[in-house]
Amino acid sequence: MGLMTEDSPTLPLSGPSLPPASGRPPRKLVVLLHGLGADGQDLIGLAPHWAPHLPDAEFVAPNAPYPCDMAPWGYQWFSLQDRSMAQMAAGARAVAGTLDAFLDQALAERGLSDGDLALVGFSQGTMMSLHVALRRARPCAAVVGYSGALIAPEALPAEITARPPVLLIHGAADEVVPPQALPIAVGALEGAGVPVRHAMRPGLGHSIDGEGLALGLAFLTEHLG
């Protein structure tokens, strides 16, 4: 098998899923986007905590399309070997079409629309959730982002096409994505007219805690339930 490059993503994306707790066909779709070096199994673990409260939602956690180039396992949405904003923005733009196509197909297969969709990201998955959700033709129901960042905030006013409600949660002791990424993202989103809420979790590193789970569930229930 040849080496996969960021010029040749594999379509469609796939990964683990959890069907609606109601046992009925899905009326809502929650797409969980993992971080660098992880896979869909990493975030599908959130689904059992939320599913009883969103009984008609299906949860899907696709693997990112590229093998992680900084570890011998896991996947990445784009390379982070060069963490300059220009390179991250280029990486996000290059893979955005792949994620958009996945979302379009997933919604069409279930007879749903963007108004039935929520994106939940962690770290690099948050970066992708924000990048794609704010540039789709129609706004999704909600975006929840943990421990992430808004890529190229200066480009947002010229590129934004949708303004879904956003919740951002970050650990004050995050050792991977600096905590100051939270106020930078909030300021840019507010400046672009995006309704945004945020929470900084004291003492939390690059992770999701119980309070963050509860805040995410409340936000999803408000906008998706």
C-alpha atoms as a PDB file:
ATOM      1  CA  MET A   1       0.000   0.000   0.000  1.00  0.00           C
ATOM      2  CA  GLY A   2       1.455   3.377  -0.991  1.00  0.00           C
ATOM      3  CA  LEU A   3       2.074   6.188   1.438  1.00  0.00           C
ATOM      4  CA  MET A   4      -1.031   8.328   1.886  1.00  0.00           C
ATOM      5  CA  THR A   5      -0.353  12.011   1.407  1.00  0.00           C
ATOM      6  CA  GLU A   6      -2.433  15.075   2.176  1.00  0.00           C
ATOM      7  CA  ASP A   7      -3.066  15.400  -1.541  1.00  0.00           C
ATOM      8  CA  SER A   8      -4.873  12.065  -1.689  1.00  0.00           C
ATOM      9  CA  PRO A   9      -7.408  11.611   1.126  1.00  0.00           C
ATOM     10  CA  THR A  10      -9.461   8.463   1.215  1.00  0.00           C
ATOM     11  CA  LEU A  11     -13.195   9.011   0.802  1.00  0.00           C
ATOM     12  CA  PRO A  12     -15.578   8.537   2.349  1.00  0.00           C
ATOM     13  CA  LEU A  13     -14.582   9.011   5.970  1.00  0.00           C
ATOM     14  CA  SER A  14     -15.703   6.280   8.326  1.00  0.00           C
ATOM     15  CA  GLY A  15     -15.595   5.447  11.998  1.00  0.00           C
ATOM     16  CA  PRO A  16     -17.592   4.152  14.951  1.00  0.00           C
ATOM     17  CA  SER A  17     -21.161   5.215  15.612  1.00  0.00           C
ATOM     18  CA  LEU A  18     -23.918   4.860  18.196  1.00  0.00           C
ATOM     19  CA  PRO A  19     -27.531   4.623  17.006  1.00  0.00           C
ATOM     20  CA  PRO A  20     -30.350   6.608  18.640  1.00  0.00           C
ATOM     21  CA  ALA A  21     -31.202   5.468  22.156  1.00  0.00           C
ATOM     22  CA  SER A  22     -34.880   5.604  21.183  1.00  0.00           C
ATOM     23  CA  GLY A  23     -34.446   2.762  18.721  1.00  0.00           C
ATOM     24  CA  ARG A  24     -36.101   4.912  16.072  1.00  0.00           C
ATOM     25  CA  PRO A  25     -34.482   6.275  12.900  1.00  0.00           C
ATOM     26  CA  PRO A  26     -32.240   9.251  13.675  1.00  0.00           C
ATOM     27  CA  ARG A  27     -33.858  12.687  13.702  1.00  0.00           C
ATOM     28  CA  LYS A  28     -30.615  14.385  14.761  1.00  0.00           C
ATOM     29  CA  LEU A  29     -26.956  13.763  13.986  1.00  0.00           C
ATOM     30  CA  VAL A  30     -23.996  14.519  16.267  1.00  0.00           C
ATOM     31  CA  VAL A  31     -20.612  14.259  14.523  1.00  0.00           C
ATOM     32  CA  LEU A  32     -17.625  13.929  16.870  1.00  0.00           C
ATOM     33  CA  LEU A  33     -14.238  15.023  15.490  1.00  0.00           C
ATOM     34  CA  HIS A  34     -11.148  13.713  17.277  1.00  0.00           C
ATOM     35  CA  GLY A  35      -7.781  15.329  17.844  1.00  0.00           C
ATOM     36  CA  LEU A  36      -4.295  14.706  16.469  1.00  0.00           C
ATOM     37  CA  GLY A  37      -3.038  11.146  16.811  1.00  0.00           C
ATOM     38  CA  ALA A  38      -6.379   9.749  17.939  1.00  0.00           C
ATOM     39  CA  ASP A  39      -9.263   8.134  16.069  1.00  0.00           C
ATOM     40  CA  GLY A  40     -13.032   7.925  16.165  1.00  0.00           C
ATOM     41  CA  GLN A  41     -12.960   5.486  19.068  1.00  0.00           C
ATOM     42  CA  ASP A  42     -11.489   8.262  21.202  1.00  0.00           C
ATOM     43  CA  LEU A  43     -14.541  10.529  21.013  1.00  0.00           C
ATOM     44  CA  ILE A  44     -17.349   8.022  20.503  1.00  0.00           C
ATOM     45  CA  GLY A  45     -16.868   7.442  24.232  1.00  0.00           C
ATOM     46  CA  LEU A  46     -18.734  10.701  24.819  1.00  0.00           C
ATOM     47  CA  ALA A  47     -21.851   9.357  23.134  1.00  0.00           C
ATOM     48  CA  PRO A  48     -23.091   7.041  25.913  1.00  0.00           C
ATOM     49  CA  HIS A  49     -23.026   9.970  28.364  1.00  0.00           C
ATOM     50  CA  TRP A  50     -25.196  12.125  26.104  1.00  0.00           C
ATOM     51  CA  ALA A  51     -27.360   9.621  24.220  1.00  0.00           C
ATOM     52  CA  PRO A  52     -29.997   9.086  26.964  1.00  0.00           C
ATOM     53  CA  HIS A  53     -30.672  12.836  26.952  1.00  0.00           C
ATOM     54  CA  LEU A  54     -30.748  13.083  23.133  1.00  0.00           C
ATOM     55  CA  PRO A  55     -32.686   9.885  22.395  1.00  0.00           C
ATOM     56  CA  ASP A  56     -33.320  10.611  18.717  1.00  0.00           C
ATOM     57  CA  ALA A  57     -29.706  11.521  17.909  1.00  0.00           C
ATOM     58  CA  GLU A  58     -27.237   9.258  16.158  1.00  0.00           C
ATOM     59  CA  PHE A  59     -23.597   9.790  17.104  1.00  0.00           C
ATOM     60  CA  VAL A  60     -20.881   9.323  14.483  1.00  0.00           C
ATOM     61  CA  ALA A  61     -17.120   9.684  15.048  1.00  0.00           C
ATOM     62  CA  PRO A  62     -15.210   9.495  11.750  1.00  0.00           C
ATOM     63  CA  ASN A  63     -11.493   8.840  11.634  1.00  0.00           C
ATOM     64  CA  ALA A  64      -9.554  11.728  10.119  1.00  0.00           C
ATOM     65  CA  PRO A  65      -8.334  10.914   6.602  1.00  0.00           C
ATOM     66  CA  TYR A  66      -4.550  10.944   7.133  1.00  0.00           C
ATOM     67  CA  PRO A  67      -2.234   8.789   9.254  1.00  0.00           C
ATOM     68  CA  CYS A  68      -0.662  10.856  12.010  1.00  0.00           C
ATOM     69  CA  ASP A  69       2.813  11.974  10.935  1.00  0.00           C
ATOM     70  CA  MET A  70       3.969  12.559  14.526  1.00  0.00           C
ATOM     71  CA  ALA A  71       3.154   9.126  15.984  1.00  0.00           C
ATOM     72  CA  PRO A  72       3.091   5.499  14.813  1.00  0.00           C
ATOM     73  CA  TRP A  73      -0.675   5.314  15.362  1.00  0.00           C
ATOM     74  CA  GLY A  74      -3.809   7.389  15.001  1.00  0.00           C
ATOM     75  CA  TYR A  75      -4.943   9.904  12.424  1.00  0.00           C
ATOM     76  CA  GLN A  76      -4.792  13.609  11.719  1.00  0.00           C
ATOM     77  CA  TRP A  77      -6.928  16.137   9.884  1.00  0.00           C
ATOM     78  CA  PHE A  78      -3.771  17.940   8.807  1.00  0.00           C
ATOM     79  CA  SER A  79      -0.113  17.997   9.801  1.00  0.00           C
ATOM     80  CA  LEU A  80       0.951  19.963  12.856  1.00  0.00           C
ATOM     81  CA  GLN A  81       4.677  19.545  12.381  1.00  0.00           C
ATOM     82  CA  ASP A  82       4.656  23.194  11.333  1.00  0.00           C
ATOM     83  CA  ARG A  83       2.338  25.011  13.741  1.00  0.00           C
ATOM     84  CA  SER A  84       2.516  28.392  12.065  1.00  0.00           C
ATOM     85  CA  MET A  85      -0.938  29.853  11.509  1.00  0.00           C
ATOM     86  CA  ALA A  86      -0.371  29.952   7.746  1.00  0.00           C
ATOM     87  CA  GLN A  87       0.405  26.235   7.568  1.00  0.00           C
ATOM     88  CA  MET A  88      -2.490  25.264   9.851  1.00  0.00           C
ATOM     89  CA  ALA A  89      -4.870  27.376   7.783  1.00  0.00           C
ATOM     90  CA  ALA A  90      -3.624  25.736   4.579  1.00  0.00           C
ATOM     91  CA  GLY A  91      -4.053  22.292   6.134  1.00  0.00           C
ATOM     92  CA  ALA A  92      -7.592  23.018   7.308  1.00  0.00           C
ATOM     93  CA  ARG A  93      -8.593  24.396   3.919  1.00  0.00           C
ATOM     94  CA  ALA A  94      -7.136  21.373   2.123  1.00  0.00           C
ATOM     95  CA  VAL A  95      -9.189  18.880   4.124  1.00  0.00           C
ATOM     96  CA  ALA A  96     -12.366  20.960   4.541  1.00  0.00           C
ATOM     97  CA  GLY A  97     -13.885  19.570   1.351  1.00  0.00           C
ATOM     98  CA  THR A  98     -13.398  16.016   2.601  1.00  0.00           C
ATOM     99  CA  LEU A  99     -15.229  16.767   5.836  1.00  0.00           C
ATOM    100  CA  ASP A 100     -17.953  18.745   4.046  1.00  0.00           C
ATOM    101  CA  ALA A 101     -18.576  15.824   1.709  1.00  0.00           C
ATOM    102  CA  PHE A 102     -18.838  13.456   4.667  1.00  0.00           C
ATOM    103  CA  LEU A 103     -21.370  15.715   6.394  1.00  0.00           C
ATOM    104  CA  ASP A 104     -23.409  16.156   3.224  1.00  0.00           C
ATOM    105  CA  GLN A 105     -23.542  12.413   2.614  1.00  0.00           C
ATOM    106  CA  ALA A 106     -24.310  11.569   6.247  1.00  0.00           C
ATOM    107  CA  LEU A 107     -27.212  14.014   6.321  1.00  0.00           C
ATOM    108  CA  ALA A 108     -28.574  12.907   2.949  1.00  0.00           C
ATOM    109  CA  GLU A 109     -28.471   9.220   3.894  1.00  0.00           C
ATOM    110  CA  ARG A 110     -30.595   9.964   6.963  1.00  0.00           C
ATOM    111  CA  GLY A 111     -32.933  12.452   5.322  1.00  0.00           C
ATOM    112  CA  LEU A 112     -31.701  15.228   7.606  1.00  0.00           C
ATOM    113  CA  SER A 113     -30.594  18.831   7.091  1.00  0.00           C
ATOM    114  CA  ASP A 114     -27.915  21.074   8.578  1.00  0.00           C
ATOM    115  CA  GLY A 115     -30.449  22.221  11.140  1.00  0.00           C
ATOM    116  CA  ASP A 116     -30.429  18.658  12.527  1.00  0.00           C
ATOM    117  CA  LEU A 117     -26.622  18.528  12.794  1.00  0.00           C
ATOM    118  CA  ALA A 118     -24.242  19.283  15.654  1.00  0.00           C
ATOM    119  CA  LEU A 119     -20.462  19.171  15.458  1.00  0.00           C
ATOM    120  CA  VAL A 120     -18.423  18.342  18.553  1.00  0.00           C
ATOM    121  CA  GLY A 121     -14.647  18.597  18.379  1.00  0.00           C
ATOM    122  CA  PHE A 122     -11.643  18.029  20.591  1.00  0.00           C
ATOM    123  CA  SER A 123      -8.351  19.841  19.948  1.00  0.00           C
ATOM    124  CA  GLN A 124      -7.653  19.581  16.205  1.00  0.00           C
ATOM    125  CA  GLY A 125     -11.219  18.339  15.819  1.00  0.00           C
ATOM    126  CA  THR A 126     -12.398  21.644  17.300  1.00  0.00           C
ATOM    127  CA  MET A 127     -10.278  23.501  14.770  1.00  0.00           C
ATOM    128  CA  MET A 128     -11.962  21.571  11.966  1.00  0.00           C
ATOM    129  CA  SER A 129     -15.449  21.906  13.459  1.00  0.00           C
ATOM    130  CA  LEU A 130     -15.144  25.680  13.591  1.00  0.00           C
ATOM    131  CA  HIS A 131     -13.461  25.984  10.205  1.00  0.00           C
ATOM    132  CA  VAL A 132     -16.090  23.956   8.371  1.00  0.00           C
ATOM    133  CA  ALA A 133     -19.236  24.942  10.291  1.00  0.00           C
ATOM    134  CA  LEU A 134     -18.627  28.642   9.741  1.00  0.00           C
ATOM    135  CA  ARG A 135     -18.175  28.151   5.996  1.00  0.00           C
ATOM    136  CA  ARG A 136     -21.064  25.835   5.113  1.00  0.00           C
ATOM    137  CA  ALA A 137     -23.951  27.101   3.001  1.00  0.00           C
ATOM    138  CA  ARG A 138     -26.367  26.696   5.905  1.00  0.00           C
ATOM    139  CA  PRO A 139     -25.744  26.823   9.662  1.00  0.00           C
ATOM    140  CA  CYS A 140     -25.785  23.621  11.653  1.00  0.00           C
ATOM    141  CA  ALA A 141     -27.689  23.470  14.943  1.00  0.00           C
ATOM    142  CA  ALA A 142     -24.652  23.797  17.216  1.00  0.00           C
ATOM    143  CA  VAL A 143     -20.882  23.508  17.538  1.00  0.00           C
ATOM    144  CA  VAL A 144     -19.197  22.380  20.758  1.00  0.00           C
ATOM    145  CA  GLY A 145     -15.423  22.700  20.866  1.00  0.00           C
ATOM    146  CA  TYR A 146     -13.108  21.382  23.571  1.00  0.00           C
ATOM    147  CA  SER A 147      -9.443  22.366  23.978  1.00  0.00           C
ATOM    148  CA  GLY A 148      -9.140  23.802  20.487  1.00  0.00           C
ATOM    149  CA  ALA A 149      -8.564  27.030  18.576  1.00  0.00           C
ATOM    150  CA  LEU A 150      -9.966  29.128  15.773  1.00  0.00           C
ATOM    151  CA  ILE A 151      -7.592  28.910  12.834  1.00  0.00           C
ATOM    152  CA  ALA A 152      -6.781  32.161  11.022  1.00  0.00           C
ATOM    153  CA  PRO A 153      -9.270  34.337  12.925  1.00  0.00           C
ATOM    154  CA  GLU A 154      -8.337  37.312  10.772  1.00  0.00           C
ATOM    155  CA  ALA A 155      -9.745  35.535   7.695  1.00  0.00           C
ATOM    156  CA  LEU A 156     -13.134  34.833   9.235  1.00  0.00           C
ATOM    157  CA  PRO A 157     -14.952  38.101   8.409  1.00  0.00           C
ATOM    158  CA  ALA A 158     -14.285  37.638   4.686  1.00  0.00           C
ATOM    159  CA  GLU A 159     -15.015  33.894   4.605  1.00  0.00           C
ATOM    160  CA  ILE A 160     -17.889  33.290   7.031  1.00  0.00           C
ATOM    161  CA  THR A 161     -21.119  32.038   5.456  1.00  0.00           C
ATOM    162  CA  ALA A 162     -22.924  30.526   8.466  1.00  0.00           C
ATOM    163  CA  ARG A 163     -23.278  31.534  12.115  1.00  0.00           C
ATOM    164  CA  PRO A 164     -24.297  28.524  14.221  1.00  0.00           C
ATOM    165  CA  PRO A 165     -24.309  28.858  18.015  1.00  0.00           C
ATOM    166  CA  VAL A 166     -20.921  27.871  19.432  1.00  0.00           C
ATOM    167  CA  LEU A 167     -19.772  26.667  22.858  1.00  0.00           C
ATOM    168  CA  LEU A 168     -16.030  26.614  23.562  1.00  0.00           C
ATOM    169  CA  ILE A 169     -14.519  24.947  26.626  1.00  0.00           C
ATOM    170  CA  HIS A 170     -10.824  24.990  27.509  1.00  0.00           C
ATOM    171  CA  GLY A 171      -8.631  23.863  30.380  1.00  0.00           C
ATOM    172  CA  ALA A 172      -6.776  26.659  32.158  1.00  0.00           C
ATOM    173  CA  ALA A 173      -3.770  24.339  32.501  1.00  0.00           C
ATOM    174  CA  ASP A 174      -3.829  23.040  28.908  1.00  0.00           C
ATOM    175  CA  GLU A 175      -0.266  22.105  28.005  1.00  0.00           C
ATOM    176  CA  VAL A 176      -0.973  21.382  24.319  1.00  0.00           C
ATOM    177  CA  VAL A 177      -3.242  24.148  23.017  1.00  0.00           C
ATOM    178  CA  PRO A 178      -2.564  27.339  24.994  1.00  0.00           C
ATOM    179  CA  PRO A 179      -5.485  28.577  27.122  1.00  0.00           C
ATOM    180  CA  GLN A 180      -5.242  31.989  25.477  1.00  0.00           C
ATOM    181  CA  ALA A 181      -6.629  30.368  22.323  1.00  0.00           C
ATOM    182  CA  LEU A 182     -10.037  30.557  24.013  1.00  0.00           C
ATOM    183  CA  PRO A 183     -10.370  34.364  24.339  1.00  0.00           C
ATOM    184  CA  ILE A 184      -8.834  34.835  20.892  1.00  0.00           C
ATOM    185  CA  ALA A 185     -11.479  32.565  19.369  1.00  0.00           C
ATOM    186  CA  VAL A 186     -14.309  34.108  21.364  1.00  0.00           C
ATOM    187  CA  GLY A 187     -13.316  37.623  20.326  1.00  0.00           C
ATOM    188  CA  ALA A 188     -13.114  36.712  16.648  1.00  0.00           C
ATOM    189  CA  LEU A 189     -16.413  34.827  16.707  1.00  0.00           C
ATOM    190  CA  GLU A 190     -18.220  37.648  18.474  1.00  0.00           C
ATOM    191  CA  GLY A 191     -16.713  40.116  16.018  1.00  0.00           C
ATOM    192  CA  ALA A 192     -18.112  38.050  13.138  1.00  0.00           C
ATOM    193  CA  GLY A 193     -21.587  37.931  14.652  1.00  0.00           C
ATOM    194  CA  VAL A 194     -21.454  34.319  15.835  1.00  0.00           C
ATOM    195  CA  PRO A 195     -23.379  33.590  19.056  1.00  0.00           C
ATOM    196  CA  VAL A 196     -20.739  32.100  21.341  1.00  0.00           C
ATOM    197  CA  ARG A 197     -20.526  30.926  24.931  1.00  0.00           C
ATOM    198  CA  HIS A 198     -17.358  29.837  26.648  1.00  0.00           C
ATOM    199  CA  ALA A 199     -15.950  28.310  29.811  1.00  0.00           C
ATOM    200  CA  MET A 200     -12.412  28.089  31.153  1.00  0.00           C
ATOM    201  CA  ARG A 201     -12.027  25.078  33.428  1.00  0.00           C
ATOM    202  CA  PRO A 202      -9.657  25.774  36.361  1.00  0.00           C
ATOM    203  CA  GLY A 203      -6.725  23.385  36.695  1.00  0.00           C
ATOM    204  CA  LEU A 204      -7.737  21.274  33.697  1.00  0.00           C
ATOM    205  CA  GLY A 205      -5.130  20.174  31.164  1.00  0.00           C
ATOM    206  CA  HIS A 206      -5.687  19.024  27.589  1.00  0.00           C
ATOM    207  CA  SER A 207      -8.761  17.014  28.409  1.00  0.00           C
ATOM    208  CA  ILE A 208     -12.516  17.023  28.994  1.00  0.00           C
ATOM    209  CA  ASP A 209     -13.807  16.931  32.564  1.00  0.00           C
ATOM    210  CA  GLY A 210     -17.222  16.130  33.995  1.00  0.00           C
ATOM    211  CA  GLU A 211     -18.279  19.756  34.089  1.00  0.00           C
ATOM    212  CA  GLY A 212     -17.275  20.156  30.463  1.00  0.00           C
ATOM    213  CA  LEU A 213     -19.366  17.117  29.546  1.00  0.00           C
ATOM    214  CA  ALA A 214     -22.340  18.589  31.388  1.00  0.00           C
ATOM    215  CA  LEU A 215     -21.952  21.983  29.720  1.00  0.00           C
ATOM    216  CA  GLY A 216     -21.709  20.335  26.311  1.00  0.00           C
ATOM    217  CA  LEU A 217     -24.817  18.246  26.939  1.00  0.00           C
ATOM    218  CA  ALA A 218     -26.819  21.269  28.091  1.00  0.00           C
ATOM    219  CA  PHE A 219     -25.801  23.175  24.968  1.00  0.00           C
ATOM    220  CA  LEU A 220     -26.650  20.283  22.651  1.00  0.00           C
ATOM    221  CA  THR A 221     -29.972  19.733  24.377  1.00  0.00           C
ATOM    222  CA  GLU A 222     -30.827  23.424  24.036  1.00  0.00           C
ATOM    223  CA  HIS A 223     -30.010  23.680  20.350  1.00  0.00           C
ATOM    224  CA  LEU A 224     -30.479  20.125  19.059  1.00  0.00           C
ATOM    225  CA  GLY A 225     -32.948  18.512  21.415  1.00  0.00           C
END
